[in-house]
Protein backbone atom coordinates (compact mmCIF):
# COMPACT_ATOMS: atom_id res chain seq x y z
CA MET A 1 -18.90 11.01 -3.96
CA LYS A 2 -19.61 7.35 -4.67
CA ILE A 3 -16.54 5.15 -5.07
CA ASP A 4 -17.04 2.34 -7.59
CA VAL A 5 -14.97 -0.16 -5.64
CA TYR A 6 -16.21 -3.21 -7.52
CA GLY A 7 -15.62 -1.50 -10.86
CA LEU A 8 -11.92 -1.17 -10.05
CA LEU A 9 -11.76 -4.77 -8.86
CA GLU A 10 -13.26 -5.83 -12.19
CA LYS A 11 -10.55 -3.84 -14.01
CA VAL A 12 -7.87 -5.68 -12.05
CA ARG A 13 -9.41 -9.04 -12.94
CA GLU A 14 -9.83 -8.11 -16.59
CA LYS A 15 -6.47 -6.42 -17.24
CA LYS A 16 -4.36 -8.66 -14.97
CA PRO A 17 -1.65 -6.00 -14.59
CA VAL A 18 1.95 -6.91 -13.84
CA VAL A 19 2.91 -5.51 -10.43
CA HIS A 20 6.67 -5.40 -9.96
CA HIS A 21 7.95 -5.67 -6.39
CA LEU A 22 11.18 -4.94 -4.62
CA THR A 23 9.84 -5.89 -1.26
CA ASN A 24 10.24 -7.25 2.24
CA TRP A 25 11.80 -10.73 2.33
CA VAL A 26 9.77 -11.63 5.43
CA THR A 27 6.44 -11.17 3.65
CA ILE A 28 7.32 -11.59 -0.03
CA TYR A 29 5.33 -14.84 -0.38
CA ASP A 30 2.22 -13.24 1.12
CA CYS A 31 2.54 -10.16 -1.10
CA ALA A 32 2.83 -12.27 -4.24
CA ASN A 33 -0.16 -14.40 -3.27
CA ILE A 34 -2.48 -11.52 -2.42
CA VAL A 35 -1.75 -9.85 -5.77
CA LYS A 36 -2.40 -13.14 -7.56
CA VAL A 37 -5.72 -13.88 -5.85
CA PHE A 38 -6.91 -10.38 -6.72
CA GLY A 39 -6.32 -11.34 -10.35
CA ALA A 40 -3.10 -9.47 -11.14
CA SER A 41 0.37 -10.79 -11.96
CA PRO A 42 3.07 -10.32 -9.30
CA VAL A 43 6.78 -10.35 -10.10
CA MET A 44 9.43 -10.14 -7.37
CA ALA A 45 12.60 -9.17 -9.24
CA HIS A 46 15.26 -7.63 -6.99
CA ALA A 47 18.57 -7.91 -8.89
CA LYS A 48 19.94 -4.52 -9.91
CA GLU A 49 20.88 -5.99 -13.28
CA GLU A 50 17.25 -6.62 -14.30
CA VAL A 51 14.97 -4.31 -12.29
CA ALA A 52 14.90 -1.57 -14.92
CA ASP A 53 13.84 -4.01 -17.63
CA MET A 54 11.22 -5.60 -15.38
CA ALA A 55 9.73 -2.21 -14.51
CA LYS A 56 9.32 -1.52 -18.23
CA ILE A 57 6.85 -4.41 -18.60
CA ALA A 58 4.95 -3.62 -15.38
CA SER A 59 1.91 -1.44 -14.71
CA ALA A 60 2.97 -0.51 -11.17
CA LEU A 61 6.08 -0.70 -9.01
CA VAL A 62 5.94 -1.52 -5.28
CA LEU A 63 8.92 -0.69 -3.06
CA ASN A 64 9.03 -1.90 0.56
CA ILE A 65 12.00 -1.16 2.82
CA GLY A 66 11.06 -3.73 5.48
CA THR A 67 14.30 -5.70 5.05
CA LEU A 68 16.44 -2.99 3.54
CA THR A 69 20.14 -3.04 2.74
CA VAL A 70 22.14 -0.31 1.05
CA ASP A 71 22.44 -2.44 -2.11
CA PHE A 72 18.69 -3.10 -2.08
CA ILE A 73 17.94 0.62 -1.98
CA PHE A 74 20.30 1.11 -4.93
CA ALA A 75 18.26 -1.44 -6.93
CA MET A 76 15.06 0.33 -5.88
CA LYS A 77 16.34 3.59 -7.32
CA ILE A 78 17.16 1.93 -10.64
CA ALA A 79 13.70 0.34 -10.82
CA ALA A 80 11.94 3.56 -9.82
CA LYS A 81 13.76 5.64 -12.43
CA SER A 82 12.71 3.13 -15.07
CA ALA A 83 9.13 3.23 -13.79
CA ASN A 84 9.20 7.04 -13.83
CA GLU A 85 10.33 7.00 -17.46
CA LYS A 86 7.46 4.69 -18.35
CA GLY A 87 4.97 6.73 -16.33
CA ILE A 88 3.67 3.95 -14.09
CA PRO A 89 2.83 4.56 -10.41
CA VAL A 90 5.51 3.89 -7.81
CA ILE A 91 4.36 2.94 -4.33
CA LEU A 92 6.75 3.20 -1.37
CA ASP A 93 6.03 1.41 1.90
CA VAL A 94 8.11 3.29 4.48
CA CYS A 95 8.16 0.16 6.67
CA GLY A 96 9.93 0.86 9.96
CA ALA A 97 10.59 4.54 9.25
CA GLY A 98 11.23 6.22 12.57
CA ALA A 99 12.91 3.12 14.02
CA THR A 100 16.50 3.68 12.85
CA LYS A 101 18.63 6.37 11.26
CA LEU A 102 19.34 4.17 8.22
CA ARG A 103 15.65 3.67 7.44
CA ASP A 104 14.94 7.36 7.68
CA GLU A 105 17.91 8.27 5.50
CA LYS A 106 17.06 5.74 2.79
CA CYS A 107 13.39 6.75 2.71
CA PHE A 108 14.37 10.37 2.16
CA GLU A 109 16.92 9.37 -0.47
CA LEU A 110 14.24 7.56 -2.44
CA LEU A 111 11.79 10.44 -2.07
CA ASP A 112 14.39 13.00 -3.14
CA GLU A 113 15.95 11.08 -6.04
CA VAL A 114 12.96 9.44 -7.75
CA LYS A 115 9.27 10.19 -8.18
CA ILE A 116 7.17 8.36 -5.61
CA ASN A 117 3.45 8.47 -6.43
CA ILE A 118 2.13 6.87 -3.25
CA ILE A 119 3.72 6.90 0.21
CA LYS A 120 2.22 4.25 2.51
CA GLY A 121 2.82 3.43 6.14
CA ASN A 122 1.30 3.28 9.59
CA SER A 123 0.73 6.39 11.69
CA SER A 124 4.21 6.76 13.18
CA GLU A 125 6.04 5.75 9.98
CA VAL A 126 4.27 8.38 7.91
CA ALA A 127 4.52 10.97 10.68
CA ARG A 128 8.29 10.47 10.75
CA ILE A 129 8.52 10.94 6.97
CA ALA A 130 6.43 14.08 7.39
CA GLY A 131 9.05 15.44 9.79
CA GLU A 132 7.46 14.63 13.15
CA ASN A 133 9.66 13.60 16.08
CA VAL A 134 8.33 10.09 16.60
CA GLN A 135 10.03 6.72 17.00
CA THR A 136 8.41 3.62 15.52
CA LYS A 137 8.43 0.44 17.62
CA GLY A 138 10.27 -1.74 15.11
CA VAL A 139 7.62 -1.91 12.40
CA ASP A 140 4.67 -1.37 14.76
CA ALA A 141 2.94 1.97 15.08
CA VAL A 142 3.19 4.15 18.14
CA ALA A 143 0.80 6.91 19.14
CA VAL A 144 1.08 10.17 17.22
CA GLU A 145 -0.25 13.20 19.06
CA LYS A 146 -0.90 15.39 16.02
CA ASN A 147 -3.92 15.11 13.71
CA LEU A 148 -3.22 12.28 11.26
CA ILE A 149 -5.43 13.71 8.52
CA GLU A 150 -3.48 16.95 8.65
CA ILE A 151 -0.19 15.03 8.56
CA ALA A 152 -1.31 13.05 5.52
CA GLU A 153 -2.56 16.12 3.68
CA GLY A 154 0.55 18.14 4.53
CA LEU A 155 2.94 15.43 3.35
CA ALA A 156 0.91 14.87 0.18
CA LYS A 157 1.18 18.56 -0.69
CA LYS A 158 4.88 18.73 0.18
CA ARG A 159 5.80 15.67 -1.89
CA ASN A 160 3.14 16.11 -4.59
CA CYS A 161 1.91 12.58 -4.12
CA THR A 162 -0.80 10.47 -2.52
CA VAL A 163 -0.29 9.50 1.12
CA VAL A 164 -1.84 6.46 2.78
CA ILE A 165 -1.87 6.00 6.55
CA THR A 166 -3.20 2.59 7.54
CA GLY A 167 -4.78 1.78 10.88
CA LYS A 168 -8.20 1.23 12.41
CA GLU A 169 -9.29 3.96 10.02
CA ASP A 170 -7.23 4.29 6.83
CA ILE A 171 -6.49 7.81 5.60
CA ILE A 172 -5.81 8.41 1.90
CA SER A 173 -5.03 11.93 0.65
CA ASP A 174 -3.42 13.81 -2.22
CA GLY A 175 -3.72 17.10 -0.34
CA LYS A 176 -7.00 18.04 -2.03
CA LYS A 177 -9.11 14.93 -1.68
CA THR A 178 -9.02 12.89 1.53
CA LEU A 179 -10.87 9.60 1.94
CA LEU A 180 -11.32 7.39 4.99
CA VAL A 181 -11.66 3.62 4.73
CA LYS A 182 -13.30 2.13 7.81
CA ASN A 183 -13.30 -1.56 6.92
CA GLY A 184 -11.00 -4.15 8.49
CA CYS A 185 -10.81 -6.10 11.72
CA GLU A 186 -8.61 -6.59 14.77
CA MET A 187 -7.40 -10.02 13.60
CA MET A 188 -5.32 -8.29 10.90
CA SER A 189 -2.92 -7.08 13.60
CA ASN A 190 -2.31 -10.62 14.88
CA ILE A 191 -0.31 -11.87 11.88
CA VAL A 192 2.84 -10.58 10.24
CA GLY A 193 2.38 -9.30 6.72
CA THR A 194 -1.01 -7.62 6.46
CA GLY A 195 0.61 -4.19 6.16
CA CYS A 196 2.93 -5.32 3.37
CA MET A 197 0.05 -7.13 1.68
CA ALA A 198 -1.99 -3.92 1.85
CA THR A 199 0.81 -2.08 0.02
CA SER A 200 0.81 -4.71 -2.71
CA VAL A 201 -2.96 -4.38 -3.02
CA ILE A 202 -2.64 -0.62 -3.34
CA GLY A 203 -0.10 -1.16 -6.10
CA THR A 204 -2.43 -3.61 -7.83
CA PHE A 205 -5.31 -1.14 -7.91
CA ALA A 206 -3.06 1.81 -8.78
CA ALA A 207 -2.01 -0.19 -11.84
CA VAL A 208 -5.54 0.14 -13.27
CA GLY A 209 -6.85 3.37 -11.74
CA SER A 210 -5.83 6.85 -12.86
CA ASP A 211 -7.10 8.51 -9.65
CA LEU A 212 -4.62 7.17 -7.11
CA VAL A 213 -6.62 8.28 -4.07
CA VAL A 214 -9.66 6.36 -5.28
CA ALA A 215 -7.56 3.39 -6.39
CA ALA A 216 -5.82 3.10 -3.02
CA ALA A 217 -9.09 3.42 -1.14
CA ALA A 218 -10.79 0.81 -3.32
CA GLY A 219 -7.92 -1.64 -2.90
CA LEU A 220 -7.82 -1.25 0.86
CA CYS A 221 -11.60 -1.53 1.05
CA CYS A 222 -11.61 -4.84 -0.85
CA PHE A 223 -8.72 -6.27 1.16
CA GLU A 224 -10.29 -5.29 4.46
CA ILE A 225 -13.77 -6.54 3.54
CA ALA A 226 -12.12 -9.87 2.77
CA ALA A 227 -10.43 -9.72 6.18
CA GLU A 228 -13.79 -9.14 7.89
CA ILE A 229 -15.23 -12.17 6.10
CA ALA A 230 -12.17 -14.28 6.90
CA ALA A 231 -12.27 -13.39 10.59
CA LYS A 232 -15.78 -14.79 10.88
CA LEU A 233 -14.73 -18.06 9.28
CA SER A 234 -11.44 -18.63 11.13
CA ASN A 235 -10.46 -20.02 14.52
CA GLY A 236 -7.38 -17.86 14.95
CA PRO A 237 -4.47 -16.21 13.12
CA GLY A 238 -3.43 -19.32 11.17
CA THR A 239 -6.79 -20.13 9.65
CA PHE A 240 -7.48 -16.42 9.21
CA LYS A 241 -4.49 -16.07 6.92
CA GLU A 242 -5.72 -18.93 4.73
CA ALA A 243 -9.30 -17.67 4.73
CA ILE A 244 -8.38 -14.17 3.62
CA TYR A 245 -7.06 -15.45 0.28
CA ASP A 246 -10.30 -17.34 -0.35
CA ALA A 247 -12.39 -14.33 0.66
CA VAL A 248 -10.51 -12.07 -1.78
CA PHE A 249 -10.88 -14.58 -4.59
CA HIS A 250 -14.67 -14.80 -4.09
CA LEU A 251 -15.41 -11.08 -3.65
CA ASP A 252 -18.46 -10.06 -5.67
CA LYS A 253 -20.37 -6.87 -6.38
CA LYS A 254 -23.17 -7.55 -3.91
CA THR A 255 -20.80 -8.20 -1.02
CA ILE A 256 -18.63 -5.17 -1.71
CA GLU A 257 -21.54 -2.75 -2.12
CA LYS A 258 -23.12 -4.04 1.08
CA MET A 259 -19.96 -3.91 3.20
CA GLN A 260 -17.84 -1.04 1.88
CA LYS A 261 -17.22 1.82 4.30
CA ILE A 262 -15.55 4.76 2.58
CA ASP A 263 -16.15 8.32 3.74
CA ILE A 264 -14.99 11.66 2.36
CA ALA A 265 -13.04 13.66 4.95
CA ARG A 266 -12.29 16.54 2.60
CA GLU A 267 -12.62 17.41 -1.08
CA ILE A 268 -11.38 20.68 -2.55
CA VAL A 269 -12.86 21.33 -5.98
């Protein structure tokens, strides 16, 4: 199975989809910028009075509970219901799931009350949402003893969605098709925001791709190729963050086809 990563990037650049965010206040600037440099149009509307209307003009909705409040979750539900009515993909970053009771409860509320098309998180966040007894270290992953591919596939089947587990090797599964993205670099873990940015990138590619497993894999692949390029050009975390935007902006077909590392872990026909 050959993934046309550059083809999806071209679609993003051509269609310039609106990607509506209700996201983490710590990383909101970074999320908006990464969507913009990919060629899409980010909007960060959080007020409960306008989120439904904003979702109606968007091509994807990104929810991120990184800086959650009860009122914020209420606005997320309104936006997601509007997105569900329109039929656009809803991406939920379960940021910090497994760290506190409130985060767990609100994640499950969202999953039970609205349609979530893509669940994204690190290994321990997703494992907690899948029902495993793990505790996340704030928003940083902790070791999960069980097989992560099996966790992703099981949760995808249970929730009828696509599941993305990010890490040294990203796992993307809808329960039938499971892809592994092996791009990226260690420098990504040295700055705050790369996980949230990855969620926004997934939302950007989901806005133009009907196959959400392929779209998520392509988005992560592009983002992580850019990170590999940026790491070679930077002197540390500060310059790396600047360089990654430039690297995304200048991604071309030759570079992507040379550097992309996407493997098929499982495909049930």
